[in-house]
Protein backbone atom coordinates (compact mmCIF):
# COMPACT_ATOMS: atom_id res chain seq x y z
CA MET A 1 26.63 -8.16 17.33
CA ARG A 2 23.16 -8.05 18.42
CA ALA A 3 23.24 -10.66 20.72
CA GLU A 4 25.94 -8.64 22.17
CA SER A 5 23.38 -5.39 22.58
CA GLU A 6 20.53 -7.45 23.86
CA GLN A 7 19.34 -8.07 27.24
CA TYR A 8 16.81 -10.28 28.86
CA VAL A 9 14.71 -8.80 31.38
CA GLY A 10 13.12 -11.71 32.59
CA GLU A 11 11.63 -14.62 30.62
CA ASN A 12 9.47 -12.86 28.46
CA LEU A 13 10.70 -9.44 28.36
CA CYS A 14 13.95 -8.20 26.14
CA THR A 15 15.70 -4.70 25.80
CA GLU A 16 18.09 -4.04 23.29
CA LEU A 17 19.70 -0.98 21.29
CA THR A 18 18.05 -0.87 18.03
CA PRO A 19 18.78 1.18 14.83
CA PHE A 20 16.09 3.99 14.38
CA THR A 21 15.37 6.99 12.12
CA PHE A 22 15.40 10.35 12.87
CA PRO A 23 14.86 13.66 11.13
CA VAL A 24 17.63 15.94 10.76
CA HIS A 25 16.76 19.58 10.28
CA ASP A 26 18.86 20.60 7.92
CA GLY A 27 15.84 21.69 5.35
CA HIS A 28 16.52 19.09 3.37
CA ASN A 29 14.33 15.64 4.34
CA THR A 30 17.73 14.30 5.57
CA ILE A 31 17.57 11.52 7.88
CA GLU A 32 19.69 9.65 10.35
CA ILE A 33 19.80 6.30 12.01
CA ARG A 34 20.52 5.77 15.65
CA ASN A 35 20.50 3.33 18.40
CA VAL A 36 18.17 3.72 20.71
CA PRO A 37 16.85 1.79 23.40
CA MET A 38 13.60 -0.96 22.72
CA ALA A 39 12.15 -2.71 25.43
CA TYR A 40 9.90 -5.70 24.07
CA VAL A 41 8.24 -8.98 24.90
CA LYS A 42 9.05 -11.83 22.99
CA ASP A 43 6.13 -13.98 22.89
CA LEU A 44 2.97 -11.81 22.58
CA TRP A 45 0.54 -14.62 23.05
CA GLN A 46 2.22 -16.03 26.50
CA LYS A 47 1.52 -12.04 27.35
CA ILE A 48 -2.08 -12.03 26.25
CA GLU A 49 -2.20 -15.71 28.11
CA ASP A 50 -1.15 -14.25 31.34
CA MET A 51 -3.84 -11.26 31.14
CA LEU A 52 -6.42 -13.28 30.41
CA SER A 53 -5.53 -16.10 33.57
CA MET A 54 -5.18 -12.45 35.65
CA ASN A 55 -8.60 -11.72 34.69
CA ASP A 56 -10.41 -15.68 34.89
CA ASN A 57 -8.56 -17.37 37.42
CA ASP A 58 -10.39 -20.43 39.55
CA ILE A 59 -7.16 -20.91 42.10
CA THR A 60 -7.33 -16.94 42.95
CA GLY A 61 -11.32 -16.86 42.33
CA VAL A 62 -11.16 -13.79 39.73
CA HIS A 63 -13.46 -13.95 37.27
CA ARG A 64 -13.58 -10.54 35.13
CA LEU A 65 -14.17 -11.40 31.82
CA THR A 66 -17.62 -10.34 30.62
CA TRP A 67 -19.47 -10.11 27.28
CA HIS A 68 -20.80 -7.01 27.88
CA GLU A 69 -24.61 -8.08 27.82
CA GLY A 70 -24.28 -9.92 24.31
CA ARG A 71 -22.05 -7.10 22.77
CA ILE A 72 -19.07 -9.66 21.90
CA PRO A 73 -20.31 -13.13 21.08
CA SER A 74 -20.26 -15.47 24.03
CA ASP A 75 -17.45 -17.92 22.05
CA GLU A 76 -15.08 -15.18 21.53
CA LEU A 77 -12.10 -12.89 23.34
CA TRP A 78 -11.79 -9.52 22.16
CA VAL A 79 -7.63 -8.49 22.48
CA LYS A 80 -7.44 -4.10 20.81
CA PHE A 81 -4.18 -3.83 20.00
CA GLY A 82 -3.17 0.32 20.06
CA GLY A 83 -0.43 2.70 19.47
CA ASP A 84 0.52 6.05 20.77
CA LYS A 85 3.55 8.17 20.91
CA GLY A 86 3.83 9.98 24.07
CA GLY A 87 6.86 11.83 26.61
CA GLY A 88 9.91 10.71 23.67
CA SER A 89 8.62 7.40 23.30
CA PHE A 90 6.42 5.25 21.28
CA LYS A 91 4.44 2.61 23.02
CA MET A 92 2.73 -0.63 21.52
CA SER A 93 0.03 -1.80 23.67
CA PHE A 94 -2.95 -4.77 23.95
CA GLN A 95 -6.02 -4.61 25.92
CA ILE A 96 -8.61 -7.44 26.92
CA VAL A 97 -11.81 -5.89 25.85
CA ASN A 98 -13.79 -8.65 27.67
CA VAL A 99 -13.52 -6.63 31.04
CA GLU A 100 -15.78 -4.19 32.90
CA ASN A 101 -13.43 -1.08 31.68
CA PRO A 102 -11.09 -2.26 28.64
CA ASN A 103 -9.20 1.27 28.07
CA ALA A 104 -8.41 1.29 32.39
CA ALA A 105 -4.78 1.38 32.52
CA ASN A 106 -4.61 -1.72 34.91
CA ASN A 107 -6.03 -3.14 31.91
CA THR A 108 -3.56 -2.36 29.12
CA CYS A 109 -0.10 -4.24 28.56
CA VAL A 110 2.50 -2.09 26.73
CA PHE A 111 4.59 -5.48 24.48
CA CYS A 112 6.96 -3.23 22.53
CA MET A 113 8.48 0.79 23.30
CA PHE A 114 11.13 2.57 21.82
CA GLU A 115 12.57 6.08 21.96
CA ALA A 116 11.91 7.35 18.48
CA SER A 117 8.77 8.68 16.26
CA ASP A 118 6.14 6.56 14.95
CA ASN A 119 6.99 6.77 11.60
CA PRO A 120 6.07 3.63 9.01
CA VAL A 121 10.09 3.23 8.91
CA ASN A 122 10.24 3.20 12.44
CA LEU A 123 7.20 0.82 13.07
CA ARG A 124 8.58 -1.59 10.93
CA ILE A 125 11.41 -1.98 12.17
CA ALA A 126 9.87 -2.40 15.47
CA LEU A 127 6.75 -4.47 15.01
CA LYS A 128 8.11 -6.67 12.45
CA ARG A 129 9.08 -9.57 15.10
CA TYR A 130 4.72 -9.62 15.83
CA ARG A 131 3.73 -9.38 12.10
CA ASP A 132 3.59 -13.45 12.33
CA GLN A 133 2.39 -13.64 15.99
CA ILE A 134 -0.33 -11.07 15.76
CA GLU A 135 -1.36 -12.80 12.25
CA ASP A 136 -1.35 -16.12 14.64
CA LEU A 137 -3.75 -14.82 16.91
CA GLU A 138 -7.27 -15.30 15.42
CA SER A 139 -5.92 -18.97 14.64
CA LYS A 140 -5.96 -19.40 18.31
CA THR A 141 -8.05 -20.06 21.38
CA TRP A 142 -8.00 -19.46 25.20
CA ARG A 143 -10.51 -22.20 27.02
CA GLY A 144 -12.83 -22.99 23.89
CA LYS A 145 -13.42 -18.87 23.05
CA LYS A 146 -11.82 -17.87 19.56
CA ILE A 147 -9.48 -15.06 20.09
CA LYS A 148 -10.30 -11.44 18.05
CA THR A 149 -7.87 -8.81 17.16
CA PHE A 150 -8.14 -5.00 16.22
CA LEU A 151 -6.23 -2.37 15.99
CA SER A 152 -7.03 1.15 17.65
CA GLY A 153 -5.19 4.43 17.51
CA ASP A 154 -5.35 7.84 16.03
CA TYR A 155 -5.83 8.81 12.71
CA GLU A 156 -2.46 9.23 11.70
CA PHE A 157 -0.90 5.64 13.58
CA LEU A 158 -3.60 3.87 11.44
CA CYS A 159 -2.87 5.10 8.45
CA HIS A 160 1.07 4.03 8.91
CA MET A 161 -0.59 0.89 10.14
CA TYR A 162 -2.61 0.11 6.85
CA GLY A 163 -0.29 1.75 4.44
CA LEU A 164 -1.66 5.01 3.98
CA SER A 165 -0.61 8.28 3.35
CA GLY A 166 -3.32 9.72 4.98
CA ALA A 167 -6.89 9.50 3.38
CA SER A 168 -5.29 9.32 -0.42
CA ALA A 169 -3.77 6.03 -1.92
CA PRO A 170 -1.09 3.52 0.16
CA THR A 171 2.52 4.44 -0.22
CA HIS A 172 4.04 2.61 2.71
CA PRO A 173 4.53 -0.91 3.34
CA ARG A 174 2.24 -2.66 5.51
CA VAL A 175 3.31 -3.52 8.85
CA PHE A 176 0.85 -6.34 10.21
CA LEU A 177 -1.91 -7.33 7.98
CA PRO A 178 -2.01 -8.64 4.05
CA GLU A 179 -5.67 -7.69 3.41
CA ALA A 180 -5.23 -3.79 4.89
CA HIS A 181 -8.62 -2.94 3.10
CA LYS A 182 -10.73 -5.71 4.93
CA ALA A 183 -8.94 -5.09 8.55
CA PHE A 184 -9.81 -1.45 8.58
CA ALA A 185 -13.43 -2.17 7.64
CA ARG A 186 -13.37 -4.69 10.48
CA THR A 187 -12.05 -1.77 12.51
CA LEU A 188 -14.08 0.55 11.84
CA ASN A 189 -17.10 -1.92 12.55
CA ALA A 190 -15.71 -3.02 15.79
CA SER A 191 -15.25 0.50 16.81
CA LEU A 192 -18.55 0.98 16.38
CA GLN A 193 -19.37 -2.11 18.74
CA LEU A 194 -16.39 -1.07 20.84
CA GLU A 195 -18.20 2.59 21.55
CA GLN A 196 -21.65 1.08 23.07
CA ILE A 197 -19.27 -0.68 25.69
């Protein structure tokens, strides 16, 4: 059934109808499940490598990678992941931080998008395919440089991703990270460094 609903839109991009949860406004906290469009990149590392190559390519003479005057260690490449809901859809993206303006639109790559809210259940449905891929990124290198990953987003998104119900105890399953408290601390430290960039 899944194979029938999936379409390939290029070598590394797929679209499919995916079951997501939606609130029913009946006063009883009821939810319904509907199949809605989702587009996603199959191989995240390939897309990150493509983005890195676009920013550092001997053939074209493009050399945009920077280590921000030593704020990023010279043997590291930082990849920032973030998510945002707006305009009726949720978008998960990454940015290569080792460029002059990492938050610019042309430095942002959306790798997963769906037309539903970014509640913990929907995030788990959409992003479960990336759990192992994102955990594996930290063991990868590109041209001899280690890959470091960070998560960014608004408070609600970060709470959903780290399995927190706001400022209180964890209640939702973690989407990506096996050690949420360490990752959260690393994200806070990286945020402080990123503010200087």
